[in-house]
Each structure stands twice: as C-alpha cells, then as structure tokens.
Amino acid sequence: MSSERLQRLEEKIAYLERHVTEQDKVILELGDTLAKLRLELRALRERSGGAVQGDAEQAPVDERPPHY
C-alpha cells in the first residue's frame, strides 16, 4: 500500500471520527432539549387544568367556532 493512499485513508478516518463526535454532541443536546420541552408541556397541561387530553386538544367552552 502506497504511503499516499495510506495517508488519504488516515485523513478520511480522522474526518469520520470527528464527524461522529460532533453528531454525538448534537444528539445529546437534542435529547436535553426534548426532555426540557416535555417538562414544559407537562407544566402547561397542568396549568391549563387538563384542557388538553392526550394528543387531542379540546376547545374551551366559551370559545366560539371559527365560522362565527
């Protein structure tokens, strides 16, 4: 194996290792953000008195439909 080819392979490996490390950091940040958003959503649901049930939203009783 020529030294030039070996050097190119080593450069590619170094690039890929750096890329994987950067992706790991981003995934960890996204996981932290998701956890924070879940806590905020839970707090909003509790504060709204359970107006939002599961994934379906319920309109407040005094809200008029959009066609009025």
C-alpha atoms as a PDB file:
ATOM      1  CA  MET A   1       0.000   0.000   0.000  1.00  0.00           C
ATOM      2  CA  SER A   2       1.487   3.334  -1.003  1.00  0.00           C
ATOM      3  CA  SER A   3       2.142   5.929   1.658  1.00  0.00           C
ATOM      4  CA  GLU A   4      -0.049   8.445  -0.212  1.00  0.00           C
ATOM      5  CA  ARG A   5      -3.004   6.064  -0.183  1.00  0.00           C
ATOM      6  CA  LEU A   6      -2.421   5.267   3.469  1.00  0.00           C
ATOM      7  CA  GLN A   7      -2.333   8.982   4.299  1.00  0.00           C
ATOM      8  CA  ARG A   8      -5.637   9.573   2.464  1.00  0.00           C
ATOM      9  CA  LEU A   9      -7.251   6.717   4.377  1.00  0.00           C
ATOM     10  CA  GLU A  10      -5.967   8.080   7.685  1.00  0.00           C
ATOM     11  CA  GLU A  11      -7.340  11.523   6.815  1.00  0.00           C
ATOM     12  CA  LYS A  12     -10.740  10.034   5.978  1.00  0.00           C
ATOM     13  CA  ILE A  13     -10.802   8.094   9.241  1.00  0.00           C
ATOM     14  CA  ALA A  14      -9.881  11.220  11.211  1.00  0.00           C
ATOM     15  CA  TYR A  15     -12.621  13.191   9.451  1.00  0.00           C
ATOM     16  CA  LEU A  16     -15.214  10.469  10.119  1.00  0.00           C
ATOM     17  CA  GLU A  17     -14.208  10.176  13.772  1.00  0.00           C
ATOM     18  CA  ARG A  18     -14.578  13.953  14.211  1.00  0.00           C
ATOM     19  CA  HIS A  19     -17.915  13.876  12.429  1.00  0.00           C
ATOM     20  CA  VAL A  20     -19.235  11.090  14.679  1.00  0.00           C
ATOM     21  CA  THR A  21     -18.109  13.000  17.775  1.00  0.00           C
ATOM     22  CA  GLU A  22     -19.913  16.133  16.574  1.00  0.00           C
ATOM     23  CA  GLN A  23     -23.062  14.125  15.844  1.00  0.00           C
ATOM     24  CA  ASP A  24     -22.955  12.598  19.326  1.00  0.00           C
ATOM     25  CA  LYS A  25     -22.827  16.081  20.854  1.00  0.00           C
ATOM     26  CA  VAL A  26     -25.793  17.236  18.767  1.00  0.00           C
ATOM     27  CA  ILE A  27     -27.842  14.161  19.661  1.00  0.00           C
ATOM     28  CA  LEU A  28     -27.155  14.707  23.368  1.00  0.00           C
ATOM     29  CA  GLU A  29     -28.191  18.375  23.066  1.00  0.00           C
ATOM     30  CA  LEU A  30     -31.380  17.367  21.255  1.00  0.00           C
ATOM     31  CA  GLY A  31     -32.148  14.829  23.975  1.00  0.00           C
ATOM     32  CA  ASP A  32     -31.716  17.508  26.655  1.00  0.00           C
ATOM     33  CA  THR A  33     -33.914  19.919  24.699  1.00  0.00           C
ATOM     34  CA  LEU A  34     -36.585  17.258  24.268  1.00  0.00           C
ATOM     35  CA  ALA A  35     -36.573  16.498  27.988  1.00  0.00           C
ATOM     36  CA  LYS A  36     -36.960  20.215  28.817  1.00  0.00           C
ATOM     37  CA  LEU A  37     -39.793  20.596  26.312  1.00  0.00           C
ATOM     38  CA  ARG A  38     -41.601  17.593  27.774  1.00  0.00           C
ATOM     39  CA  LEU A  39     -41.376  19.159  31.243  1.00  0.00           C
ATOM     40  CA  GLU A  40     -42.681  22.479  29.902  1.00  0.00           C
ATOM     41  CA  LEU A  41     -45.533  20.734  28.093  1.00  0.00           C
ATOM     42  CA  ARG A  42     -46.474  18.832  31.239  1.00  0.00           C
ATOM     43  CA  ALA A  43     -46.453  22.086  33.237  1.00  0.00           C
ATOM     44  CA  LEU A  44     -48.636  23.793  30.611  1.00  0.00           C
ATOM     45  CA  ARG A  45     -51.095  20.911  30.651  1.00  0.00           C
ATOM     46  CA  GLU A  46     -51.304  21.033  34.440  1.00  0.00           C
ATOM     47  CA  ARG A  47     -51.668  24.823  34.440  1.00  0.00           C
ATOM     48  CA  SER A  48     -54.456  24.707  31.845  1.00  0.00           C
ATOM     49  CA  GLY A  49     -56.463  22.469  34.133  1.00  0.00           C
ATOM     50  CA  GLY A  50     -56.358  19.486  31.836  1.00  0.00           C
ATOM     51  CA  ALA A  51     -57.917  21.289  28.866  1.00  0.00           C
ATOM     52  CA  VAL A  52     -55.614  19.219  26.677  1.00  0.00           C
ATOM     53  CA  GLN A  53     -56.242  15.496  26.960  1.00  0.00           C
ATOM     54  CA  GLY A  54     -53.567  13.274  25.453  1.00  0.00           C
ATOM     55  CA  ASP A  55     -52.813  14.294  21.882  1.00  0.00           C
ATOM     56  CA  ALA A  56     -56.236  15.781  21.124  1.00  0.00           C
ATOM     57  CA  GLU A  57     -56.924  19.388  22.060  1.00  0.00           C
ATOM     58  CA  GLN A  58     -60.313  20.399  23.423  1.00  0.00           C
ATOM     59  CA  ALA A  59     -61.556  23.939  22.796  1.00  0.00           C
ATOM     60  CA  PRO A  60     -62.533  25.923  25.889  1.00  0.00           C
ATOM     61  CA  VAL A  61     -66.285  26.058  26.483  1.00  0.00           C
ATOM     62  CA  ASP A  62     -66.580  29.828  25.912  1.00  0.00           C
ATOM     63  CA  GLU A  63     -64.552  29.842  22.666  1.00  0.00           C
ATOM     64  CA  ARG A  64     -66.564  30.462  19.504  1.00  0.00           C
ATOM     65  CA  PRO A  65     -66.004  28.240  16.474  1.00  0.00           C
ATOM     66  CA  PRO A  66     -64.025  29.874  13.624  1.00  0.00           C
ATOM     67  CA  HIS A  67     -67.044  30.166  11.300  1.00  0.00           C
ATOM     68  CA  TYR A  68     -68.767  32.794  13.533  1.00  0.00           C
END
